[in-house]
Amino acid sequence: MDQVQVRIAQHEYAFDAAEVRRLLRNVMPEPLGDHFVVVGGSRFPPKQVISLVTGLDRADFNTHQARRILSRLGFTVGRRSHASATASPRRPGPHGGREADLLRPFAGRWVAQRGLEVLVAADTPQAVLQWLESNNQQADAMFRVPSDENEATGVAPA
């Protein structure tokens, strides 16, 4: 879907997915609450996205409105899992192989991680540290996600 027409706080808006991606390209996401939307490989609070795109105060709309709009534009929306997950017995590793799956969208980027949750992803470690400090967040780990399988295993290119 290319464009969505919506009414928020008595104002009419036409949202375009490409324009949303463009506006958020150089924006660092704020810390997540319960909900998120994936834009350009980063998870944003839905209200941050709608507020940036419309200029509206976040008190003028709720998270569920923001999620519906962003979902209609084709963005992935989700809810953070607060339950402690158990490892799958079929896959080796402390997280049953889920960590690699969760990190796949961040290939080639620096991430700060708390448990299995990626708090922030950026192109430089300095940007990750700056985000952690400015948002008063602490991470369990910070690292660069390998770009591909060869980089992950240390195999030299042919």
N, C-alpha and C. Protein backbone atom coordinates (compact mmCIF):
# COMPACT_ATOMS: atom_id res chain seq x y z
N MET A 1 0.85 -1.18 0.00
CA MET A 1 0.00 0.00 0.00
C MET A 1 0.89 1.23 0.00
N ASP A 2 0.67 2.13 -0.93
CA ASP A 2 1.52 3.30 -1.08
C ASP A 2 1.16 4.43 -0.14
N GLN A 3 -0.12 4.71 0.04
CA GLN A 3 -0.52 5.85 0.85
C GLN A 3 -1.77 5.52 1.65
N VAL A 4 -1.82 6.07 2.87
CA VAL A 4 -2.96 5.85 3.75
C VAL A 4 -3.50 7.21 4.19
N GLN A 5 -4.80 7.40 4.08
CA GLN A 5 -5.47 8.62 4.54
C GLN A 5 -6.00 8.37 5.94
N VAL A 6 -5.67 9.26 6.90
CA VAL A 6 -6.13 9.09 8.28
C VAL A 6 -6.53 10.43 8.87
N ARG A 7 -7.29 10.34 9.95
CA ARG A 7 -7.68 11.53 10.71
C ARG A 7 -7.18 11.33 12.14
N ILE A 8 -6.33 12.25 12.59
CA ILE A 8 -5.79 12.20 13.95
C ILE A 8 -5.99 13.57 14.58
N ALA A 9 -6.59 13.61 15.75
CA ALA A 9 -6.78 14.85 16.50
C ALA A 9 -7.40 15.94 15.62
N GLN A 10 -8.45 15.59 14.90
CA GLN A 10 -9.20 16.52 14.05
C GLN A 10 -8.39 17.06 12.86
N HIS A 11 -7.30 16.39 12.49
CA HIS A 11 -6.49 16.78 11.34
C HIS A 11 -6.45 15.61 10.35
N GLU A 12 -6.49 15.92 9.07
CA GLU A 12 -6.40 14.91 8.02
C GLU A 12 -4.94 14.79 7.57
N TYR A 13 -4.48 13.55 7.40
CA TYR A 13 -3.11 13.30 6.96
C TYR A 13 -3.12 12.22 5.88
N ALA A 14 -2.16 12.31 4.99
CA ALA A 14 -1.91 11.26 4.00
C ALA A 14 -0.51 10.75 4.27
N PHE A 15 -0.41 9.50 4.68
CA PHE A 15 0.88 8.90 5.01
C PHE A 15 1.39 8.08 3.84
N ASP A 16 2.65 8.20 3.56
CA ASP A 16 3.33 7.47 2.51
C ASP A 16 4.49 6.71 3.15
N ALA A 17 4.58 5.39 2.95
CA ALA A 17 5.61 4.58 3.59
C ALA A 17 7.02 5.04 3.23
N ALA A 18 7.25 5.39 1.98
CA ALA A 18 8.58 5.84 1.57
C ALA A 18 8.96 7.14 2.27
N GLU A 19 8.00 8.03 2.43
CA GLU A 19 8.26 9.30 3.12
C GLU A 19 8.56 9.06 4.60
N VAL A 20 7.85 8.13 5.22
CA VAL A 20 8.11 7.80 6.63
C VAL A 20 9.54 7.27 6.76
N ARG A 21 9.94 6.36 5.88
CA ARG A 21 11.31 5.83 5.92
C ARG A 21 12.33 6.95 5.73
N ARG A 22 12.07 7.86 4.79
CA ARG A 22 12.99 8.96 4.54
C ARG A 22 13.13 9.87 5.76
N LEU A 23 12.01 10.20 6.40
CA LEU A 23 12.04 11.08 7.56
C LEU A 23 12.77 10.46 8.75
N LEU A 24 12.74 9.14 8.85
CA LEU A 24 13.35 8.46 10.00
C LEU A 24 14.76 7.96 9.72
N ARG A 25 15.26 8.16 8.51
CA ARG A 25 16.55 7.61 8.12
C ARG A 25 17.67 7.98 9.09
N ASN A 26 17.74 9.21 9.54
CA ASN A 26 18.82 9.65 10.42
C ASN A 26 18.37 9.89 11.85
N VAL A 27 17.24 9.30 12.23
CA VAL A 27 16.69 9.47 13.58
C VAL A 27 17.00 8.23 14.40
N MET A 28 17.52 8.45 15.60
CA MET A 28 17.75 7.33 16.52
C MET A 28 16.45 7.07 17.27
N PRO A 29 16.06 5.80 17.40
CA PRO A 29 14.82 5.50 18.13
C PRO A 29 14.99 5.76 19.62
N GLU A 30 13.89 6.15 20.24
CA GLU A 30 13.87 6.31 21.69
C GLU A 30 13.72 4.94 22.33
N PRO A 31 13.94 4.84 23.65
CA PRO A 31 13.73 3.55 24.32
C PRO A 31 12.29 3.07 24.11
N LEU A 32 12.14 1.76 23.95
CA LEU A 32 10.83 1.19 23.68
C LEU A 32 10.01 1.04 24.95
N GLY A 33 8.70 1.22 24.78
CA GLY A 33 7.75 0.86 25.83
C GLY A 33 7.30 -0.56 25.54
N ASP A 34 6.01 -0.79 25.53
CA ASP A 34 5.50 -2.13 25.24
C ASP A 34 5.41 -2.43 23.75
N HIS A 35 5.25 -1.40 22.92
CA HIS A 35 5.01 -1.61 21.49
C HIS A 35 6.15 -1.04 20.66
N PHE A 36 6.29 -1.57 19.44
CA PHE A 36 7.31 -1.05 18.52
C PHE A 36 6.85 -1.20 17.08
N VAL A 37 7.52 -0.44 16.21
CA VAL A 37 7.33 -0.55 14.77
C VAL A 37 8.72 -0.61 14.16
N VAL A 38 8.90 -1.46 13.16
CA VAL A 38 10.20 -1.60 12.51
C VAL A 38 10.21 -0.72 11.26
N VAL A 39 11.14 0.25 11.25
CA VAL A 39 11.32 1.15 10.10
C VAL A 39 12.80 1.19 9.79
N GLY A 40 13.17 0.80 8.59
CA GLY A 40 14.57 0.84 8.18
C GLY A 40 15.47 -0.04 9.03
N GLY A 41 14.96 -1.16 9.53
CA GLY A 41 15.76 -2.09 10.32
C GLY A 41 15.91 -1.69 11.78
N SER A 42 15.26 -0.62 12.22
CA SER A 42 15.30 -0.21 13.62
C SER A 42 13.90 -0.24 14.21
N ARG A 43 13.84 -0.56 15.50
CA ARG A 43 12.55 -0.59 16.19
C ARG A 43 12.32 0.76 16.88
N PHE A 44 11.21 1.39 16.55
CA PHE A 44 10.84 2.69 17.09
C PHE A 44 9.56 2.56 17.91
N PRO A 45 9.40 3.41 18.93
CA PRO A 45 8.07 3.52 19.55
C PRO A 45 7.10 4.10 18.51
N PRO A 46 5.93 3.50 18.34
CA PRO A 46 5.00 3.98 17.32
C PRO A 46 4.63 5.46 17.46
N LYS A 47 4.49 5.93 18.70
CA LYS A 47 4.12 7.34 18.90
C LYS A 47 5.25 8.27 18.47
N GLN A 48 6.51 7.84 18.61
CA GLN A 48 7.63 8.66 18.15
C GLN A 48 7.52 8.86 16.64
N VAL A 49 7.21 7.78 15.92
CA VAL A 49 7.13 7.85 14.46
C VAL A 49 6.01 8.80 14.02
N ILE A 50 4.81 8.59 14.55
CA ILE A 50 3.68 9.42 14.13
C ILE A 50 3.90 10.88 14.53
N SER A 51 4.47 11.11 15.69
CA SER A 51 4.75 12.48 16.13
C SER A 51 5.75 13.17 15.20
N LEU A 52 6.80 12.45 14.81
CA LEU A 52 7.79 13.03 13.90
C LEU A 52 7.20 13.32 12.52
N VAL A 53 6.35 12.44 12.05
CA VAL A 53 5.78 12.60 10.71
C VAL A 53 4.73 13.70 10.66
N THR A 54 3.92 13.83 11.72
CA THR A 54 2.82 14.79 11.71
C THR A 54 3.14 16.11 12.41
N GLY A 55 4.08 16.08 13.35
CA GLY A 55 4.34 17.26 14.17
C GLY A 55 3.38 17.38 15.34
N LEU A 56 2.50 16.40 15.51
CA LEU A 56 1.53 16.43 16.61
C LEU A 56 2.20 16.09 17.93
N ASP A 57 1.64 16.61 19.00
CA ASP A 57 2.06 16.23 20.34
C ASP A 57 1.60 14.79 20.58
N ARG A 58 2.39 14.02 21.28
CA ARG A 58 2.06 12.61 21.50
C ARG A 58 0.80 12.42 22.34
N ALA A 59 0.40 13.44 23.07
CA ALA A 59 -0.83 13.35 23.86
C ALA A 59 -2.08 13.42 22.97
N ASP A 60 -1.92 13.80 21.71
CA ASP A 60 -3.05 13.96 20.80
C ASP A 60 -3.53 12.64 20.17
N PHE A 61 -2.82 11.55 20.39
CA PHE A 61 -3.21 10.25 19.83
C PHE A 61 -2.66 9.15 20.73
N ASN A 62 -3.18 7.95 20.56
CA ASN A 62 -2.69 6.85 21.40
C ASN A 62 -1.84 5.87 20.59
N THR A 63 -1.18 4.99 21.31
CA THR A 63 -0.27 4.02 20.69
C THR A 63 -1.01 3.12 19.71
N HIS A 64 -2.23 2.73 20.06
CA HIS A 64 -2.96 1.81 19.19
C HIS A 64 -3.32 2.46 17.86
N GLN A 65 -3.66 3.76 17.88
CA GLN A 65 -3.89 4.48 16.62
C GLN A 65 -2.62 4.47 15.78
N ALA A 66 -1.50 4.78 16.42
CA ALA A 66 -0.22 4.83 15.71
C ALA A 66 0.12 3.46 15.11
N ARG A 67 -0.08 2.40 15.88
CA ARG A 67 0.21 1.05 15.38
C ARG A 67 -0.66 0.70 14.18
N ARG A 68 -1.94 1.02 14.26
CA ARG A 68 -2.85 0.72 13.14
C ARG A 68 -2.42 1.43 11.87
N ILE A 69 -2.09 2.71 11.99
CA ILE A 69 -1.68 3.49 10.82
C ILE A 69 -0.41 2.90 10.21
N LEU A 70 0.58 2.63 11.05
CA LEU A 70 1.86 2.12 10.55
C LEU A 70 1.72 0.71 9.97
N SER A 71 0.86 -0.08 10.56
CA SER A 71 0.59 -1.42 10.02
C SER A 71 -0.07 -1.31 8.64
N ARG A 72 -1.01 -0.39 8.49
CA ARG A 72 -1.67 -0.19 7.19
C ARG A 72 -0.69 0.25 6.12
N LEU A 73 0.38 0.92 6.53
CA LEU A 73 1.42 1.34 5.58
C LEU A 73 2.36 0.19 5.22
N GLY A 74 2.21 -0.95 5.89
CA GLY A 74 3.03 -2.11 5.58
C GLY A 74 4.22 -2.31 6.50
N PHE A 75 4.34 -1.49 7.54
CA PHE A 75 5.44 -1.67 8.49
C PHE A 75 5.10 -2.78 9.48
N THR A 76 6.12 -3.48 9.94
CA THR A 76 5.94 -4.51 10.95
C THR A 76 5.76 -3.84 12.30
N VAL A 77 4.69 -4.18 12.99
CA VAL A 77 4.46 -3.68 14.34
C VAL A 77 4.44 -4.87 15.28
N GLY A 78 4.84 -4.64 16.51
CA GLY A 78 4.88 -5.74 17.46
C GLY A 78 4.82 -5.25 18.89
N ARG A 79 4.83 -6.22 19.77
CA ARG A 79 4.80 -5.95 21.21
C ARG A 79 6.00 -6.65 21.82
N ARG A 80 6.71 -5.94 22.68
CA ARG A 80 7.87 -6.53 23.34
C ARG A 80 7.43 -7.67 24.23
N SER A 81 8.24 -8.70 24.25
CA SER A 81 7.97 -9.84 25.11
C SER A 81 8.69 -9.63 26.43
N HIS A 82 7.94 -9.68 27.52
CA HIS A 82 8.55 -9.53 28.83
C HIS A 82 8.73 -10.87 29.52
N ALA A 83 8.24 -11.93 28.89
CA ALA A 83 8.37 -13.26 29.48
C ALA A 83 9.77 -13.79 29.23
N SER A 84 10.28 -14.53 30.19
CA SER A 84 11.60 -15.14 29.99
C SER A 84 11.40 -16.38 29.13
N ALA A 85 12.11 -16.41 28.04
CA ALA A 85 11.95 -17.50 27.08
C ALA A 85 12.92 -18.63 27.40
N THR A 86 12.51 -19.84 27.10
CA THR A 86 13.37 -20.98 27.31
C THR A 86 13.95 -21.41 25.98
N ALA A 87 15.12 -22.02 26.04
CA ALA A 87 15.80 -22.44 24.82
C ALA A 87 15.09 -23.64 24.21
N SER A 88 15.09 -23.67 22.90
CA SER A 88 14.53 -24.79 22.17
C SER A 88 15.49 -25.97 22.27
N PRO A 89 15.01 -27.16 22.59
CA PRO A 89 15.92 -28.29 22.73
C PRO A 89 16.52 -28.74 21.41
N ARG A 90 15.95 -28.32 20.28
CA ARG A 90 16.46 -28.75 18.98
C ARG A 90 17.65 -27.95 18.51
N ARG A 91 17.89 -26.77 19.08
CA ARG A 91 18.94 -25.91 18.56
C ARG A 91 19.97 -25.65 19.65
N PRO A 92 21.25 -25.70 19.30
CA PRO A 92 22.28 -25.48 20.30
C PRO A 92 22.39 -24.01 20.69
N GLY A 93 23.06 -23.76 21.80
CA GLY A 93 23.30 -22.39 22.25
C GLY A 93 22.40 -22.00 23.40
N PRO A 94 22.79 -20.97 24.12
CA PRO A 94 22.04 -20.58 25.32
C PRO A 94 20.64 -20.06 25.03
N HIS A 95 20.38 -19.57 23.83
CA HIS A 95 19.07 -19.03 23.50
C HIS A 95 18.36 -19.85 22.43
N GLY A 96 18.80 -21.08 22.25
CA GLY A 96 18.15 -21.96 21.30
C GLY A 96 18.21 -21.49 19.86
N GLY A 97 19.23 -20.70 19.51
CA GLY A 97 19.38 -20.21 18.15
C GLY A 97 18.55 -18.98 17.84
N ARG A 98 17.74 -18.51 18.80
CA ARG A 98 16.88 -17.35 18.54
C ARG A 98 17.68 -16.06 18.43
N GLU A 99 18.82 -15.97 19.11
CA GLU A 99 19.58 -14.72 19.08
C GLU A 99 20.03 -14.39 17.66
N ALA A 100 20.52 -15.38 16.93
CA ALA A 100 20.94 -15.14 15.54
C ALA A 100 19.77 -14.66 14.70
N ASP A 101 18.60 -15.25 14.89
CA ASP A 101 17.42 -14.83 14.14
C ASP A 101 17.04 -13.39 14.48
N LEU A 102 17.14 -13.04 15.76
CA LEU A 102 16.78 -11.69 16.20
C LEU A 102 17.77 -10.64 15.70
N LEU A 103 19.03 -11.03 15.51
CA LEU A 103 20.06 -10.08 15.08
C LEU A 103 20.15 -9.93 13.56
N ARG A 104 19.55 -10.83 12.82
CA ARG A 104 19.65 -10.82 11.35
C ARG A 104 19.30 -9.46 10.72
N PRO A 105 18.26 -8.75 11.17
CA PRO A 105 17.95 -7.45 10.55
C PRO A 105 19.02 -6.38 10.80
N PHE A 106 19.93 -6.63 11.74
CA PHE A 106 20.94 -5.63 12.10
C PHE A 106 22.32 -5.96 11.52
N ALA A 107 22.38 -6.82 10.52
CA ALA A 107 23.65 -7.25 9.92
C ALA A 107 24.48 -6.04 9.49
N GLY A 108 25.74 -6.03 9.91
CA GLY A 108 26.66 -4.97 9.54
C GLY A 108 26.57 -3.73 10.41
N ARG A 109 25.70 -3.73 11.41
CA ARG A 109 25.52 -2.56 12.27
C ARG A 109 25.98 -2.87 13.70
N TRP A 110 26.28 -1.82 14.44
CA TRP A 110 26.62 -1.94 15.86
C TRP A 110 25.32 -1.96 16.66
N VAL A 111 25.24 -2.84 17.66
CA VAL A 111 24.04 -2.94 18.49
C VAL A 111 24.41 -2.91 19.97
N ALA A 112 23.48 -2.44 20.77
CA ALA A 112 23.55 -2.57 22.23
C ALA A 112 22.41 -3.50 22.59
N GLN A 113 22.72 -4.50 23.41
CA GLN A 113 21.75 -5.54 23.69
C GLN A 113 21.58 -5.70 25.20
N ARG A 114 20.33 -5.90 25.63
CA ARG A 114 20.01 -6.26 27.01
C ARG A 114 19.23 -7.56 26.92
N GLY A 115 19.82 -8.63 27.44
CA GLY A 115 19.21 -9.94 27.25
C GLY A 115 19.19 -10.23 25.76
N LEU A 116 18.04 -10.61 25.24
CA LEU A 116 17.91 -10.83 23.79
C LEU A 116 17.42 -9.59 23.06
N GLU A 117 17.06 -8.55 23.79
CA GLU A 117 16.50 -7.36 23.16
C GLU A 117 17.59 -6.42 22.66
N VAL A 118 17.47 -6.02 21.41
CA VAL A 118 18.36 -5.00 20.84
C VAL A 118 17.79 -3.65 21.24
N LEU A 119 18.54 -2.91 22.05
CA LEU A 119 18.09 -1.60 22.50
C LEU A 119 18.21 -0.57 21.40
N VAL A 120 19.34 -0.62 20.67
CA VAL A 120 19.59 0.36 19.62
C VAL A 120 20.57 -0.25 18.63
N ALA A 121 20.45 0.16 17.37
CA ALA A 121 21.40 -0.23 16.33
C ALA A 121 21.85 1.03 15.62
N ALA A 122 23.14 1.12 15.33
CA ALA A 122 23.67 2.30 14.65
C ALA A 122 24.87 1.89 13.81
N ASP A 123 25.33 2.81 12.98
CA ASP A 123 26.46 2.51 12.09
C ASP A 123 27.81 2.58 12.78
N THR A 124 27.89 3.26 13.93
CA THR A 124 29.17 3.39 14.63
C THR A 124 28.99 3.06 16.11
N PRO A 125 30.05 2.58 16.76
CA PRO A 125 29.95 2.33 18.20
C PRO A 125 29.73 3.63 18.98
N GLN A 126 30.27 4.73 18.47
CA GLN A 126 30.09 6.01 19.14
C GLN A 126 28.62 6.41 19.18
N ALA A 127 27.90 6.17 18.09
CA ALA A 127 26.47 6.50 18.04
C ALA A 127 25.68 5.65 19.03
N VAL A 128 26.06 4.38 19.17
CA VAL A 128 25.39 3.51 20.14
C VAL A 128 25.64 4.02 21.56
N LEU A 129 26.89 4.33 21.87
CA LEU A 129 27.22 4.84 23.21
C LEU A 129 26.51 6.15 23.50
N GLN A 130 26.46 7.03 22.51
CA GLN A 130 25.77 8.31 22.68
C GLN A 130 24.29 8.09 22.97
N TRP A 131 23.66 7.16 22.25
CA TRP A 131 22.25 6.87 22.47
C TRP A 131 22.03 6.32 23.88
N LEU A 132 22.88 5.37 24.30
CA LEU A 132 22.74 4.80 25.64
C LEU A 132 22.84 5.88 26.70
N GLU A 133 23.81 6.76 26.55
CA GLU A 133 24.01 7.82 27.54
C GLU A 133 22.86 8.82 27.53
N SER A 134 22.45 9.26 26.35
CA SER A 134 21.40 10.28 26.28
C SER A 134 20.03 9.76 26.71
N ASN A 135 19.83 8.44 26.64
CA ASN A 135 18.56 7.84 27.06
C ASN A 135 18.66 7.14 28.40
N ASN A 136 19.80 7.33 29.09
CA ASN A 136 20.02 6.76 30.42
C ASN A 136 19.72 5.25 30.45
N GLN A 137 20.26 4.55 29.46
CA GLN A 137 20.05 3.11 29.33
C GLN A 137 21.37 2.38 29.54
N GLN A 138 21.28 1.15 30.03
CA GLN A 138 22.46 0.30 30.18
C GLN A 138 22.24 -0.98 29.39
N ALA A 139 23.31 -1.43 28.77
CA ALA A 139 23.24 -2.65 27.96
C ALA A 139 24.10 -3.73 28.60
N ASP A 140 23.77 -4.98 28.31
CA ASP A 140 24.59 -6.10 28.74
C ASP A 140 25.78 -6.29 27.80
N ALA A 141 25.59 -5.93 26.54
CA ALA A 141 26.64 -6.13 25.55
C ALA A 141 26.50 -5.11 24.43
N MET A 142 27.64 -4.81 23.79
CA MET A 142 27.64 -3.96 22.61
C MET A 142 28.61 -4.58 21.62
N PHE A 143 28.18 -4.76 20.38
CA PHE A 143 29.03 -5.41 19.39
C PHE A 143 28.52 -5.10 18.00
N ARG A 144 29.36 -5.43 17.01
CA ARG A 144 28.96 -5.28 15.61
C ARG A 144 28.45 -6.63 15.13
N VAL A 145 27.27 -6.63 14.56
CA VAL A 145 26.67 -7.85 14.02
C VAL A 145 27.37 -8.15 12.70
N PRO A 146 27.88 -9.36 12.52
CA PRO A 146 28.55 -9.70 11.25
C PRO A 146 27.63 -9.47 10.06
N SER A 147 28.24 -9.05 8.95
CA SER A 147 27.46 -8.76 7.73
C SER A 147 26.94 -10.02 7.05
N ASP A 148 27.69 -11.11 7.15
CA ASP A 148 27.28 -12.34 6.49
C ASP A 148 27.88 -13.54 7.21
N GLU A 149 27.59 -14.73 6.73
CA GLU A 149 28.05 -15.97 7.35
C GLU A 149 29.57 -16.07 7.35
N ASN A 150 30.22 -15.64 6.26
CA ASN A 150 31.69 -15.71 6.20
C ASN A 150 32.32 -14.82 7.27
N GLU A 151 31.80 -13.64 7.45
CA GLU A 151 32.33 -12.75 8.48
C GLU A 151 32.07 -13.32 9.87
N ALA A 152 30.94 -13.97 10.05
CA ALA A 152 30.60 -14.54 11.35
C ALA A 152 31.50 -15.70 11.72
N THR A 153 31.90 -16.49 10.74
CA THR A 153 32.72 -17.67 11.02
C THR A 153 34.20 -17.41 10.84
N GLY A 154 34.56 -16.25 10.31
CA GLY A 154 35.97 -15.92 10.13
C GLY A 154 36.57 -16.51 8.87
N VAL A 155 35.74 -16.97 7.94
CA VAL A 155 36.23 -17.54 6.69
C VAL A 155 36.68 -16.40 5.77
N ALA A 156 37.87 -16.53 5.24
CA ALA A 156 38.39 -15.51 4.32
C ALA A 156 37.64 -15.58 3.00
N PRO A 157 37.39 -14.43 2.37
CA PRO A 157 36.71 -14.45 1.07
C PRO A 157 37.56 -15.16 0.02
N ALA A 158 36.92 -15.81 -0.91
CA ALA A 158 37.63 -16.56 -1.95
C ALA A 158 38.15 -15.66 -3.03
